[in-house]
């Protein structure tokens, strides 16, 4: 089994009525609320970005960092947090993450300038990492194996419902109450999830043994990945190239370090022998790299090129996440019967087709074409995400769910960060550090077309990686079996 050996501290399901684990419903509700509001804020912020730029005097490059700062920090911390979760408990870290997410999100509403807003988004990324690395593990731990795919489908669907509501709600709030309301209301909306987690979700179980946490490896990994991702955003500058090289060397050093310690954060020897786990995570990274910046580009396109208001632009963007929300539970259930490689690969092919339609986008493209392509992208995303997640968590032992979930979340966020880094490079090249307006329309369309061409090619490569995972195999037991009290 290909992921690090860790002592589990996740709660052992306790049968309740009808054989259901106690707290299963509460866990799923809390995770779904957190997923819904986290994705809602992300998609709503995309629509609010032009208003943020006008209010705080930020150019297109700075606006990109409002999104990228969150992704860079969360991607760098997910794997260490996952390893920590398997030692001190997923519930503890999940609730802490909710608290940080709420506090930093609410504070963002009162940011006086772009620098403070970006810094607060980075802090919110810490809370996001704590949530993302533990939510699926909590759901899986408290859900019977026969219903795992369906539960994951519901959890994933909550994220997509947030994505579906986010563009319209973000536009409505921005037009009616101003962009700060997007941050304030979505952050405060997470309070019920925090209360539910602290009062109803089963407490973390205690393990009989203790494995040391790889603090040194975690620090090297997080700093190296953050440096590399930052370098990706500035590859056209010597500083960026230097950071990229430094980050890459740091990750090489991390790999060497992990092979010399008895309790590594990442057991690469075991990892490389789990084909399903490796290729499922690779497919996830490629898929999110090929899709995440689509909403960013289209939000700027609809408002800066087509002249739509935030609310109308939000409505145009709704079909993609709406299709994702409606179809994800079905895809999750199907993944309990059909191999994930077939469903997920088909989803990535549809993603490539949707991006192909958007390649000819210009100022005269009918909105019906944009909406149709977004619906196709939504179907493709739904077919990919839930089955791929089920494949990852089903390929590992129960005691490694925290780190498995964190690894998948890391690949997802690294893909998102790479997508936004590429978007930043293209915006810098074709638009430059100027405020968006009619005079930047031509450059923005050129950047968008280049991005969608690269994203479409990446989706094809991702489909091949998804197929390469092979048939699922039963997970091997973890080396250390704890006593759950």
Protein backbone atom coordinates (compact mmCIF):
# COMPACT_ATOMS: atom_id res chain seq x y z
CA UNK A 1 0.00 0.00 0.00
CA UNK A 2 1.43 3.20 -1.27
CA UNK A 3 1.03 5.83 1.29
CA UNK A 4 2.79 6.61 4.54
CA UNK A 5 2.28 4.43 7.53
CA UNK A 6 0.67 6.42 10.28
CA UNK A 7 -1.16 5.80 13.49
CA UNK A 8 -4.83 6.50 13.00
CA UNK A 9 -6.68 8.67 15.43
CA UNK A 10 -9.91 8.98 13.55
CA UNK A 11 -12.99 7.89 15.37
CA UNK A 12 -14.16 4.34 15.11
CA UNK A 13 -17.75 4.17 13.91
CA UNK A 14 -20.11 3.21 16.70
CA UNK A 15 -23.32 1.60 15.53
CA UNK A 16 -26.45 3.54 16.19
CA UNK A 17 -29.99 3.02 14.98
CA UNK A 18 -30.26 0.71 12.02
CA UNK A 19 -26.58 -0.18 12.16
CA UNK A 20 -25.52 3.32 11.11
CA UNK A 21 -22.38 4.69 12.77
CA UNK A 22 -23.22 7.19 15.44
CA UNK A 23 -22.71 10.72 14.19
CA UNK A 24 -22.63 9.73 10.52
CA UNK A 25 -25.34 12.20 9.53
CA UNK A 26 -23.85 15.00 11.65
CA UNK A 27 -20.40 14.42 10.17
CA UNK A 28 -21.73 14.50 6.63
CA UNK A 29 -23.76 17.65 7.32
CA UNK A 30 -20.79 19.48 8.89
CA UNK A 31 -18.44 18.49 6.08
CA UNK A 32 -21.04 19.44 3.49
CA UNK A 33 -21.65 22.87 5.04
CA UNK A 34 -17.91 23.53 5.12
CA UNK A 35 -17.48 22.35 1.54
CA UNK A 36 -20.48 24.35 0.36
CA UNK A 37 -19.37 27.63 1.93
CA UNK A 38 -15.71 27.21 1.03
CA UNK A 39 -16.53 26.72 -2.64
CA UNK A 40 -19.23 29.39 -2.52
CA UNK A 41 -16.69 31.93 -1.29
CA UNK A 42 -14.18 30.91 -3.93
CA UNK A 43 -16.59 31.19 -6.85
CA UNK A 44 -18.23 34.34 -5.48
CA UNK A 45 -14.83 36.01 -5.07
CA UNK A 46 -14.11 35.41 -8.77
CA UNK A 47 -17.20 37.43 -9.69
CA UNK A 48 -16.38 40.13 -7.13
CA UNK A 49 -12.79 40.64 -8.31
CA UNK A 50 -13.49 43.50 -10.75
CA UNK A 51 -15.33 45.38 -7.97
CA UNK A 52 -12.44 44.68 -5.57
CA UNK A 53 -10.08 46.14 -8.14
CA UNK A 54 -12.16 49.30 -8.53
CA UNK A 55 -12.60 49.75 -4.78
CA UNK A 56 -9.02 49.09 -3.67
CA UNK A 57 -7.23 50.27 -6.80
CA UNK A 58 -5.87 46.83 -7.76
CA UNK A 59 -4.76 45.82 -11.26
CA UNK A 60 -5.43 42.46 -12.93
CA UNK A 61 -2.18 40.91 -11.67
CA UNK A 62 -2.90 41.91 -8.07
CA UNK A 63 -6.44 40.56 -8.34
CA UNK A 64 -5.03 37.20 -9.38
CA UNK A 65 -3.13 37.08 -6.07
CA UNK A 66 -6.38 37.42 -4.10
CA UNK A 67 -7.12 33.89 -5.37
CA UNK A 68 -3.56 32.57 -5.67
CA UNK A 69 -2.49 33.44 -2.10
CA UNK A 70 -5.18 31.16 -0.69
CA UNK A 71 -4.24 28.30 -3.02
CA UNK A 72 -0.48 28.61 -2.53
CA UNK A 73 -0.68 28.44 1.28
CA UNK A 74 -3.29 25.68 1.43
CA UNK A 75 -1.48 23.52 -1.15
CA UNK A 76 1.79 23.80 0.81
CA UNK A 77 0.24 22.73 4.12
CA UNK A 78 -2.18 19.98 3.12
CA UNK A 79 0.18 17.02 3.23
CA UNK A 80 1.79 17.87 6.61
CA UNK A 81 -1.66 18.54 8.06
CA UNK A 82 -2.85 15.15 6.78
CA UNK A 83 0.04 13.41 8.52
CA UNK A 84 -0.70 15.34 11.69
CA UNK A 85 -4.39 14.43 11.46
CA UNK A 86 -3.57 10.71 11.56
CA UNK A 87 -1.74 11.34 14.83
CA UNK A 88 -3.84 13.86 16.77
CA UNK A 89 -7.24 13.47 15.08
CA UNK A 90 -9.16 14.70 12.07
CA UNK A 91 -12.01 16.24 14.08
CA UNK A 92 -9.65 18.49 16.06
CA UNK A 93 -7.98 19.87 12.96
CA UNK A 94 -11.23 20.18 11.03
CA UNK A 95 -12.80 22.32 13.75
CA UNK A 96 -9.64 24.44 14.05
CA UNK A 97 -9.69 24.95 10.30
CA UNK A 98 -13.30 26.12 10.42
CA UNK A 99 -12.42 28.64 13.12
CA UNK A 100 -9.52 30.09 11.12
CA UNK A 101 -11.61 30.15 7.94
CA UNK A 102 -14.37 32.09 9.69
CA UNK A 103 -12.06 34.60 11.40
CA UNK A 104 -9.88 35.35 8.37
CA UNK A 105 -12.85 35.49 6.03
CA UNK A 106 -14.71 37.97 8.21
CA UNK A 107 -11.58 40.11 8.59
CA UNK A 108 -11.16 40.16 4.79
CA UNK A 109 -14.36 42.17 4.53
CA UNK A 110 -12.62 45.07 6.28
CA UNK A 111 -9.31 44.96 4.37
CA UNK A 112 -8.21 48.57 3.68
CA UNK A 113 -5.93 47.77 0.74
CA UNK A 114 -4.97 44.89 -1.60
CA UNK A 115 -1.90 43.87 0.44
CA UNK A 116 -3.95 43.29 3.61
CA UNK A 117 -6.63 41.41 1.66
CA UNK A 118 -4.04 39.12 0.08
CA UNK A 119 -2.43 38.49 3.49
CA UNK A 120 -5.79 37.59 5.03
CA UNK A 121 -6.53 35.25 2.13
CA UNK A 122 -3.21 33.54 2.85
CA UNK A 123 -4.25 33.09 6.49
CA UNK A 124 -7.58 31.73 5.31
CA UNK A 125 -5.58 29.26 3.24
CA UNK A 126 -4.28 27.78 6.51
CA UNK A 127 -7.86 27.17 7.59
CA UNK A 128 -8.65 25.74 4.19
CA UNK A 129 -5.77 23.27 4.45
CA UNK A 130 -7.00 22.07 7.84
CA UNK A 131 -10.48 21.50 6.43
CA UNK A 132 -9.57 20.03 3.05
CA UNK A 133 -7.16 17.48 4.53
CA UNK A 134 -9.67 16.09 7.03
CA UNK A 135 -13.23 16.44 5.68
CA UNK A 136 -13.37 13.36 3.46
CA UNK A 137 -11.56 11.26 6.09
CA UNK A 138 -14.20 12.25 8.64
CA UNK A 139 -17.02 11.29 6.28
CA UNK A 140 -15.42 7.98 5.28
CA UNK A 141 -14.64 7.05 8.89
CA UNK A 142 -18.27 7.49 9.95
CA UNK A 143 -19.93 5.96 6.87
CA UNK A 144 -20.49 2.23 6.18
CA UNK A 145 -18.36 0.93 3.27
CA UNK A 146 -21.45 0.08 1.22
CA UNK A 147 -22.56 3.72 1.33
CA UNK A 148 -19.14 5.33 1.04
CA UNK A 149 -19.47 6.28 -2.63
CA UNK A 150 -22.89 7.83 -2.06
CA UNK A 151 -21.66 9.79 0.97
CA UNK A 152 -18.65 11.06 -0.94
CA UNK A 153 -20.98 11.98 -3.79
CA UNK A 154 -23.13 14.06 -1.42
CA UNK A 155 -20.07 15.71 0.08
CA UNK A 156 -18.69 16.54 -3.36
CA UNK A 157 -22.13 17.71 -4.50
CA UNK A 158 -22.21 20.22 -1.63
CA UNK A 159 -19.02 21.73 -3.01
CA UNK A 160 -20.57 21.99 -6.44
CA UNK A 161 -23.79 23.47 -5.08
CA UNK A 162 -21.60 26.16 -3.53
CA UNK A 163 -19.92 26.67 -6.86
CA UNK A 164 -23.35 26.89 -8.51
CA UNK A 165 -24.76 29.40 -6.04
CA UNK A 166 -21.51 31.35 -5.71
CA UNK A 167 -21.40 33.22 -9.02
CA UNK A 168 -24.98 34.48 -8.80
CA UNK A 169 -24.89 35.17 -5.06
CA UNK A 170 -21.50 36.82 -5.38
CA UNK A 171 -22.78 39.06 -8.15
CA UNK A 172 -25.97 39.87 -6.25
CA UNK A 173 -24.10 40.69 -3.03
CA UNK A 174 -21.50 42.74 -4.87
CA UNK A 175 -24.12 44.83 -6.65
CA UNK A 176 -26.39 45.21 -3.61
CA UNK A 177 -24.07 45.37 -0.58
CA UNK A 178 -20.57 45.68 -2.01
CA UNK A 179 -17.76 43.15 -2.33
CA UNK A 180 -17.00 42.98 1.47
CA UNK A 181 -20.35 41.25 1.99
CA UNK A 182 -19.12 38.28 -0.05
CA UNK A 183 -16.39 37.58 2.51
CA UNK A 184 -18.36 38.46 5.62
CA UNK A 185 -21.57 36.53 4.98
CA UNK A 186 -19.93 33.35 3.67
CA UNK A 187 -17.52 33.27 6.62
CA UNK A 188 -20.26 33.70 9.20
CA UNK A 189 -22.35 31.07 7.44
CA UNK A 190 -19.75 28.47 8.46
CA UNK A 191 -20.52 28.96 12.16
CA UNK A 192 -23.22 26.20 12.23
CA UNK A 193 -20.69 23.70 10.87
CA UNK A 194 -18.26 24.63 13.63
CA UNK A 195 -20.92 24.27 16.34
CA UNK A 196 -22.06 20.91 14.91
CA UNK A 197 -18.49 19.61 14.76
CA UNK A 198 -17.75 20.58 18.35
CA UNK A 199 -21.00 19.23 19.80
CA UNK A 200 -22.21 16.26 17.72
CA UNK A 201 -19.48 14.86 15.46
CA UNK A 202 -17.80 11.88 17.23
CA UNK A 203 -14.59 12.73 19.04
CA UNK A 204 -11.26 11.50 17.75
CA UNK A 205 -10.34 8.03 18.98
CA UNK A 206 -7.14 7.44 20.91
CA UNK A 207 -4.52 5.05 19.62
CA UNK A 208 -2.41 2.82 21.82
CA UNK A 209 0.90 3.69 20.20
CA UNK A 210 2.62 6.89 19.22
CA UNK A 211 4.57 7.67 16.06
CA UNK A 212 6.58 10.88 15.95
CA UNK A 213 5.46 13.58 13.59
CA UNK A 214 8.00 14.36 10.88
CA UNK A 215 8.34 18.06 11.69
CA UNK A 216 11.59 18.58 9.82
CA UNK A 217 10.28 16.91 6.67
CA UNK A 218 7.04 18.87 6.93
CA UNK A 219 8.87 22.21 7.12
CA UNK A 220 11.16 21.35 4.20
CA UNK A 221 8.21 20.14 2.13
CA UNK A 222 5.94 23.14 2.82
CA UNK A 223 8.61 25.78 2.22
CA UNK A 224 9.87 24.04 -0.92
CA UNK A 225 6.44 23.62 -2.48
CA UNK A 226 5.43 27.20 -1.65
CA UNK A 227 8.67 28.50 -3.18
CA UNK A 228 8.21 26.39 -6.31
CA UNK A 229 4.60 27.49 -6.80
CA UNK A 230 5.52 31.13 -6.28
CA UNK A 231 8.26 30.71 -8.87
CA UNK A 232 5.68 29.37 -11.31
CA UNK A 233 3.79 32.66 -11.10
CA UNK A 234 6.90 34.67 -12.13
CA UNK A 235 8.74 32.45 -14.60
CA UNK A 236 9.22 35.41 -16.95
CA UNK A 237 11.41 37.09 -14.30
CA UNK A 238 14.85 35.98 -13.00
CA UNK A 239 13.44 36.03 -9.47
CA UNK A 240 10.73 33.56 -10.48
CA UNK A 241 13.16 31.20 -12.19
CA UNK A 242 15.37 31.27 -9.11
CA UNK A 243 12.44 30.46 -6.81
CA UNK A 244 11.31 27.65 -9.09
CA UNK A 245 14.77 26.07 -9.12
CA UNK A 246 15.18 26.54 -5.35
CA UNK A 247 11.79 24.99 -4.68
CA UNK A 248 12.51 22.04 -6.96
CA UNK A 249 15.85 21.41 -5.24
CA UNK A 250 14.09 21.63 -1.89
CA UNK A 251 11.61 18.93 -2.92
CA UNK A 252 14.47 16.72 -4.08
CA UNK A 253 16.05 17.23 -0.67
CA UNK A 254 12.72 16.34 0.97
CA UNK A 255 12.60 13.05 -0.95
CA UNK A 256 16.14 12.20 0.15
CA UNK A 257 15.33 13.12 3.75
CA UNK A 258 12.20 10.95 3.83
CA UNK A 259 14.15 7.86 2.80
CA UNK A 260 16.49 8.16 5.80
CA UNK A 261 14.07 8.50 8.72
CA UNK A 262 12.03 5.74 10.39
CA UNK A 263 8.70 7.63 10.48
CA UNK A 264 8.57 9.74 7.31
CA UNK A 265 5.77 12.10 6.41
CA UNK A 266 5.62 10.42 3.01
CA UNK A 267 6.67 6.78 2.60
CA UNK A 268 7.65 6.94 -1.06
CA UNK A 269 8.64 3.28 -1.26
CA UNK A 270 5.11 2.18 -0.43
CA UNK A 271 3.56 5.03 -2.40
CA UNK A 272 5.10 4.06 -5.71
CA UNK A 273 3.74 0.52 -5.44
CA UNK A 274 0.08 1.60 -5.30
CA UNK A 275 -0.80 2.21 -8.94
CA UNK A 276 -4.40 3.23 -8.30
CA UNK A 277 -3.40 5.76 -5.66
CA UNK A 278 -0.56 7.28 -7.71
CA UNK A 279 -2.42 7.70 -10.99
CA UNK A 280 -5.66 8.82 -9.34
CA UNK A 281 -3.78 11.63 -7.62
CA UNK A 282 -1.90 12.50 -10.80
CA UNK A 283 -5.18 12.66 -12.72
CA UNK A 284 -6.64 14.94 -10.03
CA UNK A 285 -3.74 17.38 -10.25
CA UNK A 286 -3.94 17.54 -14.04
CA UNK A 287 -7.72 17.92 -14.05
CA UNK A 288 -7.74 20.83 -11.63
CA UNK A 289 -4.82 22.47 -13.42
CA UNK A 290 -6.88 22.28 -16.61
CA UNK A 291 -10.11 23.65 -15.16
CA UNK A 292 -9.69 25.91 -12.13
CA UNK A 293 -8.75 29.15 -13.92
CA UNK A 294 -11.70 28.85 -16.31
CA UNK A 295 -14.00 30.68 -13.88
CA UNK A 296 -11.38 33.39 -13.30
CA UNK A 297 -10.94 34.04 -17.02
CA UNK A 298 -14.64 33.91 -17.85
CA UNK A 299 -15.55 36.25 -15.00
CA UNK A 300 -13.09 38.85 -16.32
CA UNK A 301 -14.22 38.19 -19.90
CA UNK A 302 -17.93 38.59 -19.19
CA UNK A 303 -17.50 41.80 -17.20
CA UNK A 304 -14.52 43.48 -18.87
CA UNK A 305 -15.00 42.35 -22.49
CA UNK A 306 -18.75 41.83 -22.75
CA UNK A 307 -19.67 44.61 -20.29
CA UNK A 308 -22.02 42.51 -18.15
CA UNK A 309 -22.72 43.41 -14.52
CA UNK A 310 -21.58 41.12 -11.69
CA UNK A 311 -25.05 39.63 -11.18
CA UNK A 312 -25.59 38.83 -14.88
CA UNK A 313 -22.07 37.48 -15.24
CA UNK A 314 -22.72 35.25 -12.24
CA UNK A 315 -25.85 33.87 -13.85
CA UNK A 316 -23.95 32.98 -17.02
CA UNK A 317 -21.39 31.05 -14.96
CA UNK A 318 -24.01 29.05 -13.01
CA UNK A 319 -24.64 26.18 -15.50
CA UNK A 320 -21.25 24.52 -15.00
CA UNK A 321 -21.37 24.10 -11.20
CA UNK A 322 -25.10 23.40 -11.36
CA UNK A 323 -24.48 20.38 -13.60
CA UNK A 324 -21.68 19.34 -11.27
CA UNK A 325 -23.97 19.55 -8.25
CA UNK A 326 -26.82 17.63 -9.86
CA UNK A 327 -24.70 14.81 -11.27
CA UNK A 328 -22.05 14.29 -8.57
CA UNK A 329 -24.24 12.13 -6.28
CA UNK A 330 -25.14 9.93 -9.27
CA UNK A 331 -21.49 9.67 -10.28
CA UNK A 332 -20.59 8.76 -6.69
CA UNK A 333 -23.16 5.96 -6.65
CA UNK A 334 -21.99 4.72 -10.04
CA UNK A 335 -18.42 4.55 -8.74
CA UNK A 336 -19.56 1.87 -6.26
CA UNK A 337 -20.40 -0.31 -9.30
CA UNK A 338 -18.25 0.90 -12.21
CA UNK A 339 -14.49 1.27 -12.10
CA UNK A 340 -13.42 4.85 -11.51
CA UNK A 341 -10.96 4.79 -14.39
CA UNK A 342 -13.79 4.57 -16.92
CA UNK A 343 -16.01 7.23 -15.35
CA UNK A 344 -13.22 9.67 -14.52
CA UNK A 345 -11.54 9.30 -17.91
CA UNK A 346 -14.81 9.92 -19.71
CA UNK A 347 -15.25 13.04 -17.59
CA UNK A 348 -11.86 14.38 -18.62
CA UNK A 349 -12.63 13.79 -22.30
CA UNK A 350 -15.82 15.86 -21.93
CA UNK A 351 -13.75 18.55 -20.20
CA UNK A 352 -11.40 18.67 -23.19
CA UNK A 353 -14.38 18.98 -25.56
CA UNK A 354 -15.86 21.84 -23.52
CA UNK A 355 -12.56 23.70 -23.58
CA UNK A 356 -12.34 23.13 -27.33
CA UNK A 357 -15.61 24.99 -27.81
CA UNK A 358 -14.29 27.97 -25.83
CA UNK A 359 -11.15 28.29 -27.98
CA UNK A 360 -12.93 30.60 -30.45
CA UNK A 361 -14.24 32.92 -27.76
CA UNK A 362 -14.25 36.63 -28.67
CA UNK A 363 -16.30 39.77 -28.02
CA UNK A 364 -19.04 38.59 -30.40
CA UNK A 365 -19.44 34.98 -29.26
CA UNK A 366 -23.13 34.26 -28.44
CA UNK A 367 -23.67 33.71 -24.74
CA UNK A 368 -25.55 30.51 -25.62
CA UNK A 369 -22.26 29.03 -26.82
CA UNK A 370 -20.56 29.98 -23.57
CA UNK A 371 -23.40 28.49 -21.52
CA UNK A 372 -23.44 25.27 -23.57
CA UNK A 373 -19.72 24.74 -23.16
CA UNK A 374 -19.99 25.37 -19.42
CA UNK A 375 -22.69 22.72 -19.14
CA UNK A 376 -20.44 20.23 -20.93
CA UNK A 377 -17.60 21.12 -18.57
CA UNK A 378 -19.94 20.60 -15.62
CA UNK A 379 -20.92 17.10 -16.75
CA UNK A 380 -17.27 16.21 -17.30
CA UNK A 381 -16.25 17.50 -13.89
CA UNK A 382 -19.02 15.54 -12.14
CA UNK A 383 -18.04 12.30 -13.85
CA UNK A 384 -14.42 12.82 -12.82
CA UNK A 385 -14.42 14.08 -9.26
CA UNK A 386 -16.58 11.75 -7.15
CA UNK A 387 -15.35 8.48 -8.76
CA UNK A 388 -11.74 9.64 -8.57
CA UNK A 389 -12.10 10.52 -4.88
CA UNK A 390 -13.72 7.16 -4.16
CA UNK A 391 -10.85 5.40 -5.95
CA UNK A 392 -8.26 7.16 -3.77
CA UNK A 393 -9.87 6.52 -0.38
CA UNK A 394 -10.74 2.92 -1.33
CA UNK A 395 -7.12 2.15 -2.24
CA UNK A 396 -5.72 2.74 1.25
CA UNK A 397 -6.12 1.26 4.71
CA UNK A 398 -8.47 2.88 7.17
CA UNK A 399 -5.60 4.09 9.34
CA UNK A 400 -4.20 6.12 6.44
CA UNK A 401 -7.35 7.96 5.40
CA UNK A 402 -6.18 11.27 6.84
CA UNK A 403 -2.98 11.34 4.85
CA UNK A 404 -4.64 9.85 1.76
CA UNK A 405 -7.27 12.58 1.84
CA UNK A 406 -4.56 15.20 2.39
CA UNK A 407 -2.54 13.87 -0.53
CA UNK A 408 -5.54 14.09 -2.83
CA UNK A 409 -6.37 17.56 -1.55
CA UNK A 410 -2.73 18.55 -2.10
CA UNK A 411 -2.88 17.40 -5.72
CA UNK A 412 -6.13 19.27 -6.15
CA UNK A 413 -4.79 22.50 -4.70
CA UNK A 414 -1.44 22.21 -6.47
CA UNK A 415 -3.41 21.82 -9.70
CA UNK A 416 -5.48 24.90 -8.85
CA UNK A 417 -2.36 26.89 -7.96
CA UNK A 418 -0.65 25.87 -11.20
CA UNK A 419 -3.78 26.85 -13.13
CA UNK A 420 -3.80 30.31 -11.54
CA UNK A 421 -0.01 30.64 -11.93
CA UNK A 422 -0.38 30.01 -15.65
CA UNK A 423 -3.24 32.50 -15.77
CA UNK A 424 -1.04 35.07 -14.02
CA UNK A 425 1.75 34.55 -16.55
CA UNK A 426 -0.66 35.06 -19.44
CA UNK A 427 -2.29 38.11 -17.87
CA UNK A 428 1.16 39.61 -17.28
CA UNK A 429 2.15 38.93 -20.89
CA UNK A 430 -1.03 40.03 -22.68
CA UNK A 431 -2.59 42.61 -20.32
CA UNK A 432 0.09 43.88 -17.96
CA UNK A 433 -0.20 45.72 -14.62
CA UNK A 434 -3.10 47.95 -15.64
CA UNK A 435 -6.70 48.23 -14.53
CA UNK A 436 -9.19 46.24 -16.56
CA UNK A 437 -11.31 48.12 -19.05
CA UNK A 438 -12.29 48.28 -22.76
CA UNK A 439 -8.68 48.95 -23.74
CA UNK A 440 -7.56 45.61 -22.22
CA UNK A 441 -10.23 43.51 -23.97
CA UNK A 442 -8.04 42.34 -26.85
CA UNK A 443 -5.19 41.27 -24.59
CA UNK A 444 -7.56 39.49 -22.21
CA UNK A 445 -9.13 37.48 -25.04
CA UNK A 446 -5.67 36.51 -26.30
CA UNK A 447 -4.67 35.33 -22.83
CA UNK A 448 -7.93 33.40 -22.47
CA UNK A 449 -7.52 31.58 -25.80
CA UNK A 450 -3.95 30.58 -25.03
CA UNK A 451 -4.99 29.31 -21.60
CA UNK A 452 -7.90 27.26 -22.90
CA UNK A 453 -5.72 25.67 -25.59
CA UNK A 454 -3.19 24.56 -22.99
CA UNK A 455 -5.94 23.44 -20.60
CA UNK A 456 -7.59 21.32 -23.31
CA UNK A 457 -4.33 19.54 -24.08
CA UNK A 458 -3.76 18.96 -20.36
CA UNK A 459 -7.22 17.38 -20.05
CA UNK A 460 -6.35 14.87 -22.78
CA UNK A 461 -3.13 13.95 -20.95
CA UNK A 462 -5.13 13.66 -17.73
CA UNK A 463 -7.57 11.24 -19.35
CA UNK A 464 -4.63 9.00 -20.26
CA UNK A 465 -3.30 9.18 -16.71
CA UNK A 466 -6.74 8.27 -15.40
CA UNK A 467 -6.92 5.21 -17.64
CA UNK A 468 -3.41 4.15 -16.58
CA UNK A 469 -4.48 3.62 -12.95
CA UNK A 470 -5.74 0.14 -13.80
CA UNK A 471 -8.31 -1.92 -11.91
CA UNK A 472 -8.85 -1.32 -8.17
CA UNK A 473 -7.15 -3.60 -5.64
CA UNK A 474 -7.94 -4.24 -2.00
CA UNK A 475 -5.82 -2.04 0.28
CA UNK A 476 -3.11 -3.73 2.31
CA UNK A 477 -3.36 -3.34 6.07
CA UNK A 478 -1.31 -0.57 7.61
CA UNK A 479 1.93 -1.69 9.30
CA UNK A 480 0.76 -0.49 12.72
CA UNK A 481 -2.65 -1.51 13.95
CA UNK A 482 -3.77 0.65 16.85
CA UNK A 483 -6.05 -0.14 19.70
CA UNK A 484 -9.10 2.08 19.48
CA UNK A 485 -10.55 3.00 22.84
